[in-house]
């Protein structure tokens, strides 16, 4: 209708609408992925909770578990904040 090719129609009309709709679900999946798998394990370093478990066994202290939990919480919080900002930027109605 506007003289766009199929590729232009997809890139300029369809894709921006799809991104707005899919972003919240994508954010949930990213956070779930981070919680279910360890990023350290993915890059070949010893998995963080396994290392924390070994430290707890040797030191008889729960501090390594607390540090690992805080790390995961902070990382997920940062992902959530970034995705919320992107969602608000792409929102139809701005406050």
N, C-alpha and C. Protein backbone atom coordinates (compact mmCIF):
# COMPACT_ATOMS: atom_id res chain seq x y z
N UNK A 1 0.81 -1.19 0.00
CA UNK A 1 0.00 0.00 0.00
C UNK A 1 0.86 1.27 0.00
N UNK A 2 1.89 1.26 0.77
CA UNK A 2 2.75 2.42 0.87
C UNK A 2 3.90 2.38 -0.12
N UNK A 3 3.94 1.36 -0.93
CA UNK A 3 5.02 1.20 -1.89
C UNK A 3 6.22 0.48 -1.30
N UNK A 4 6.06 -0.12 -0.11
CA UNK A 4 7.15 -0.86 0.51
C UNK A 4 7.23 -2.27 -0.05
N UNK A 5 8.43 -2.80 -0.10
CA UNK A 5 8.59 -4.21 -0.43
C UNK A 5 8.21 -5.03 0.80
N UNK A 6 8.19 -6.33 0.65
CA UNK A 6 7.86 -7.20 1.80
C UNK A 6 8.88 -7.02 2.92
N UNK A 7 10.14 -6.91 2.55
CA UNK A 7 11.19 -6.74 3.55
C UNK A 7 11.07 -5.39 4.27
N UNK A 8 10.79 -4.34 3.53
CA UNK A 8 10.61 -3.03 4.15
C UNK A 8 9.39 -3.00 5.05
N UNK A 9 8.29 -3.62 4.61
CA UNK A 9 7.08 -3.69 5.43
C UNK A 9 7.36 -4.41 6.74
N UNK A 10 8.09 -5.52 6.65
CA UNK A 10 8.42 -6.26 7.86
C UNK A 10 9.31 -5.44 8.79
N UNK A 11 10.34 -4.83 8.23
CA UNK A 11 11.31 -4.10 9.05
C UNK A 11 10.80 -2.81 9.65
N UNK A 12 9.92 -2.12 8.95
CA UNK A 12 9.47 -0.81 9.41
C UNK A 12 8.11 -0.80 10.08
N UNK A 13 7.29 -1.83 9.85
CA UNK A 13 5.94 -1.84 10.41
C UNK A 13 5.74 -3.02 11.35
N UNK A 14 6.02 -4.23 10.89
CA UNK A 14 5.72 -5.43 11.67
C UNK A 14 6.71 -5.61 12.82
N UNK A 15 8.00 -5.56 12.54
CA UNK A 15 9.03 -5.84 13.55
C UNK A 15 8.95 -4.92 14.77
N UNK A 16 8.78 -3.60 14.63
CA UNK A 16 8.67 -2.77 15.83
C UNK A 16 7.48 -3.14 16.72
N UNK A 17 6.38 -3.55 16.13
CA UNK A 17 5.23 -3.96 16.92
C UNK A 17 5.48 -5.28 17.63
N UNK A 18 6.17 -6.18 16.95
CA UNK A 18 6.49 -7.48 17.55
C UNK A 18 7.44 -7.29 18.73
N UNK A 19 8.43 -6.43 18.58
CA UNK A 19 9.39 -6.20 19.66
C UNK A 19 8.68 -5.65 20.90
N UNK A 20 7.75 -4.73 20.70
CA UNK A 20 7.01 -4.17 21.84
C UNK A 20 6.22 -5.24 22.56
N UNK A 21 5.65 -6.16 21.82
CA UNK A 21 4.82 -7.22 22.42
C UNK A 21 5.65 -8.32 23.08
N UNK A 22 6.79 -8.64 22.51
CA UNK A 22 7.56 -9.78 22.98
C UNK A 22 8.54 -9.43 24.09
N UNK A 23 8.86 -8.17 24.29
CA UNK A 23 9.89 -7.77 25.24
C UNK A 23 9.61 -8.22 26.68
N UNK A 24 8.40 -8.07 27.24
CA UNK A 24 8.19 -8.55 28.61
C UNK A 24 8.43 -10.05 28.78
N UNK A 25 7.93 -10.85 27.84
CA UNK A 25 8.13 -12.29 27.92
C UNK A 25 9.60 -12.64 27.76
N UNK A 26 10.29 -11.91 26.89
CA UNK A 26 11.71 -12.15 26.68
C UNK A 26 12.50 -11.83 27.95
N UNK A 27 12.13 -10.75 28.63
CA UNK A 27 12.79 -10.41 29.89
C UNK A 27 12.61 -11.50 30.94
N UNK A 28 11.39 -12.05 31.02
CA UNK A 28 11.15 -13.14 31.96
C UNK A 28 12.00 -14.36 31.63
N UNK A 29 12.14 -14.65 30.35
CA UNK A 29 12.95 -15.80 29.94
C UNK A 29 14.43 -15.58 30.25
N UNK A 30 14.91 -14.36 30.06
CA UNK A 30 16.31 -14.07 30.36
C UNK A 30 16.58 -14.27 31.85
N UNK A 31 15.69 -13.74 32.70
CA UNK A 31 15.87 -13.89 34.14
C UNK A 31 15.79 -15.36 34.54
N UNK A 32 14.85 -16.11 33.95
CA UNK A 32 14.76 -17.54 34.25
C UNK A 32 16.02 -18.28 33.82
N UNK A 33 16.54 -17.93 32.66
CA UNK A 33 17.77 -18.55 32.17
C UNK A 33 18.93 -18.28 33.12
N UNK A 34 19.04 -17.05 33.61
CA UNK A 34 20.12 -16.71 34.53
C UNK A 34 19.98 -17.48 35.83
N UNK A 35 18.74 -17.63 36.30
CA UNK A 35 18.54 -18.35 37.56
C UNK A 35 18.75 -19.85 37.40
N UNK A 36 18.39 -20.39 36.24
CA UNK A 36 18.50 -21.84 36.04
C UNK A 36 19.90 -22.31 35.68
N UNK A 37 20.67 -21.46 35.07
CA UNK A 37 22.02 -21.85 34.69
C UNK A 37 23.01 -20.84 35.23
N UNK A 38 24.18 -21.26 35.43
CA UNK A 38 25.20 -20.37 35.95
C UNK A 38 26.00 -19.79 34.78
N UNK A 39 26.14 -18.48 34.76
CA UNK A 39 26.92 -17.86 33.70
C UNK A 39 28.39 -18.27 33.79
N UNK A 40 28.85 -18.44 35.00
CA UNK A 40 30.24 -18.85 35.18
C UNK A 40 30.48 -20.24 34.58
N UNK A 41 29.51 -21.13 34.73
CA UNK A 41 29.62 -22.46 34.15
C UNK A 41 29.65 -22.39 32.63
N UNK A 42 28.88 -21.47 32.06
CA UNK A 42 28.80 -21.36 30.60
C UNK A 42 30.12 -20.91 29.99
N UNK A 43 30.93 -20.15 30.72
CA UNK A 43 32.19 -19.70 30.16
C UNK A 43 33.36 -20.57 30.60
N UNK A 44 33.07 -21.69 31.28
CA UNK A 44 34.11 -22.65 31.57
C UNK A 44 34.76 -22.50 32.94
N UNK A 45 34.34 -21.56 33.73
CA UNK A 45 34.88 -21.40 35.07
C UNK A 45 34.07 -22.30 36.00
N UNK A 46 34.65 -22.68 37.10
CA UNK A 46 33.95 -23.54 38.05
C UNK A 46 32.62 -22.90 38.43
N UNK A 47 31.57 -23.69 38.47
CA UNK A 47 30.23 -23.19 38.77
C UNK A 47 30.21 -22.58 40.17
N UNK A 48 29.57 -21.43 40.29
CA UNK A 48 29.65 -20.61 41.50
C UNK A 48 29.07 -21.33 42.73
N UNK A 49 27.92 -21.97 42.60
CA UNK A 49 27.34 -22.61 43.76
C UNK A 49 28.10 -23.88 44.15
N UNK A 50 28.72 -24.56 43.19
CA UNK A 50 29.57 -25.70 43.55
C UNK A 50 30.78 -25.24 44.34
N UNK A 51 31.36 -24.12 43.92
CA UNK A 51 32.49 -23.55 44.66
C UNK A 51 32.04 -23.09 46.04
N UNK A 52 30.88 -22.46 46.11
CA UNK A 52 30.35 -22.02 47.41
C UNK A 52 30.09 -23.22 48.32
N UNK A 53 29.59 -24.32 47.75
CA UNK A 53 29.33 -25.53 48.54
C UNK A 53 30.63 -26.09 49.11
N UNK A 54 31.68 -26.10 48.30
CA UNK A 54 32.98 -26.58 48.79
C UNK A 54 33.52 -25.67 49.88
N UNK A 55 33.37 -24.36 49.72
CA UNK A 55 33.83 -23.43 50.75
C UNK A 55 33.03 -23.58 52.04
N UNK A 56 31.73 -23.80 51.93
CA UNK A 56 30.90 -24.00 53.13
C UNK A 56 31.36 -25.26 53.86
N UNK A 57 31.66 -26.31 53.11
CA UNK A 57 32.09 -27.56 53.74
C UNK A 57 33.43 -27.38 54.45
N UNK A 58 34.33 -26.58 53.87
CA UNK A 58 35.65 -26.44 54.47
C UNK A 58 35.66 -25.42 55.61
N UNK A 59 34.80 -24.40 55.53
CA UNK A 59 34.83 -23.33 56.53
C UNK A 59 33.72 -23.44 57.56
N UNK A 60 32.76 -24.30 57.35
CA UNK A 60 31.60 -24.44 58.22
C UNK A 60 30.94 -23.07 58.42
N UNK A 61 30.72 -22.38 57.32
CA UNK A 61 30.11 -21.06 57.35
C UNK A 61 29.17 -20.93 56.15
N UNK A 62 28.07 -20.23 56.34
CA UNK A 62 27.10 -20.04 55.26
C UNK A 62 27.40 -18.79 54.43
N UNK A 63 28.44 -18.07 54.74
CA UNK A 63 28.76 -16.82 54.05
C UNK A 63 28.96 -17.02 52.54
N UNK A 64 29.66 -18.08 52.08
CA UNK A 64 29.78 -18.25 50.62
C UNK A 64 28.44 -18.40 49.91
N UNK A 65 27.48 -19.09 50.53
CA UNK A 65 26.15 -19.20 49.94
C UNK A 65 25.47 -17.84 49.87
N UNK A 66 25.62 -17.04 50.91
CA UNK A 66 25.02 -15.71 50.93
C UNK A 66 25.63 -14.84 49.84
N UNK A 67 26.93 -14.90 49.68
CA UNK A 67 27.60 -14.10 48.64
C UNK A 67 27.14 -14.53 47.25
N UNK A 68 27.04 -15.85 47.01
CA UNK A 68 26.57 -16.34 45.72
C UNK A 68 25.12 -15.91 45.47
N UNK A 69 24.28 -15.98 46.48
CA UNK A 69 22.88 -15.58 46.33
C UNK A 69 22.77 -14.09 46.05
N UNK A 70 23.56 -13.28 46.73
CA UNK A 70 23.54 -11.83 46.50
C UNK A 70 24.00 -11.52 45.07
N UNK A 71 25.01 -12.23 44.59
CA UNK A 71 25.48 -12.02 43.22
C UNK A 71 24.36 -12.29 42.22
N UNK A 72 23.68 -13.44 42.37
CA UNK A 72 22.59 -13.75 41.46
C UNK A 72 21.46 -12.72 41.57
N UNK A 73 21.14 -12.30 42.78
CA UNK A 73 20.07 -11.31 42.96
C UNK A 73 20.42 -10.00 42.28
N UNK A 74 21.65 -9.53 42.47
CA UNK A 74 22.08 -8.26 41.87
C UNK A 74 22.05 -8.37 40.35
N UNK A 75 22.54 -9.46 39.81
CA UNK A 75 22.54 -9.62 38.36
C UNK A 75 21.13 -9.62 37.80
N UNK A 76 20.21 -10.36 38.42
CA UNK A 76 18.83 -10.39 37.96
C UNK A 76 18.17 -9.03 38.12
N UNK A 77 18.51 -8.31 39.18
CA UNK A 77 17.95 -6.98 39.39
C UNK A 77 18.39 -6.03 38.28
N UNK A 78 19.65 -6.11 37.90
CA UNK A 78 20.15 -5.25 36.82
C UNK A 78 19.44 -5.59 35.50
N UNK A 79 19.27 -6.85 35.21
CA UNK A 79 18.55 -7.26 34.00
C UNK A 79 17.12 -6.73 34.03
N UNK A 80 16.46 -6.83 35.18
CA UNK A 80 15.10 -6.35 35.31
C UNK A 80 15.00 -4.84 35.10
N UNK A 81 15.90 -4.08 35.69
CA UNK A 81 15.89 -2.62 35.54
C UNK A 81 16.11 -2.23 34.09
N UNK A 82 17.07 -2.85 33.44
CA UNK A 82 17.35 -2.52 32.04
C UNK A 82 16.14 -2.83 31.16
N UNK A 83 15.54 -4.00 31.35
CA UNK A 83 14.39 -4.37 30.53
C UNK A 83 13.18 -3.48 30.82
N UNK A 84 12.98 -3.07 32.07
CA UNK A 84 11.89 -2.15 32.38
C UNK A 84 12.07 -0.81 31.67
N UNK A 85 13.29 -0.32 31.63
CA UNK A 85 13.55 0.94 30.93
C UNK A 85 13.29 0.82 29.43
N UNK A 86 13.71 -0.30 28.86
CA UNK A 86 13.48 -0.51 27.43
C UNK A 86 11.98 -0.63 27.15
N UNK A 87 11.25 -1.35 28.02
CA UNK A 87 9.81 -1.48 27.84
C UNK A 87 9.13 -0.12 27.92
N UNK A 88 9.52 0.71 28.88
CA UNK A 88 8.91 2.03 29.01
C UNK A 88 9.23 2.90 27.81
N UNK A 89 10.44 2.77 27.28
CA UNK A 89 10.82 3.56 26.11
C UNK A 89 10.00 3.15 24.89
N UNK A 90 9.69 1.87 24.78
CA UNK A 90 8.93 1.37 23.64
C UNK A 90 7.42 1.38 23.86
N UNK A 91 6.97 1.85 25.02
CA UNK A 91 5.54 1.84 25.35
C UNK A 91 4.78 2.80 24.44
N UNK A 92 3.54 2.45 24.15
CA UNK A 92 2.71 3.31 23.30
C UNK A 92 2.36 4.62 24.00
N UNK A 93 2.05 4.51 25.29
CA UNK A 93 1.62 5.67 26.04
C UNK A 93 2.69 6.04 27.05
N UNK A 94 3.30 7.19 26.89
CA UNK A 94 4.35 7.64 27.80
C UNK A 94 3.73 8.49 28.89
N UNK A 95 4.22 8.31 30.11
CA UNK A 95 3.72 9.12 31.23
C UNK A 95 4.29 10.51 31.20
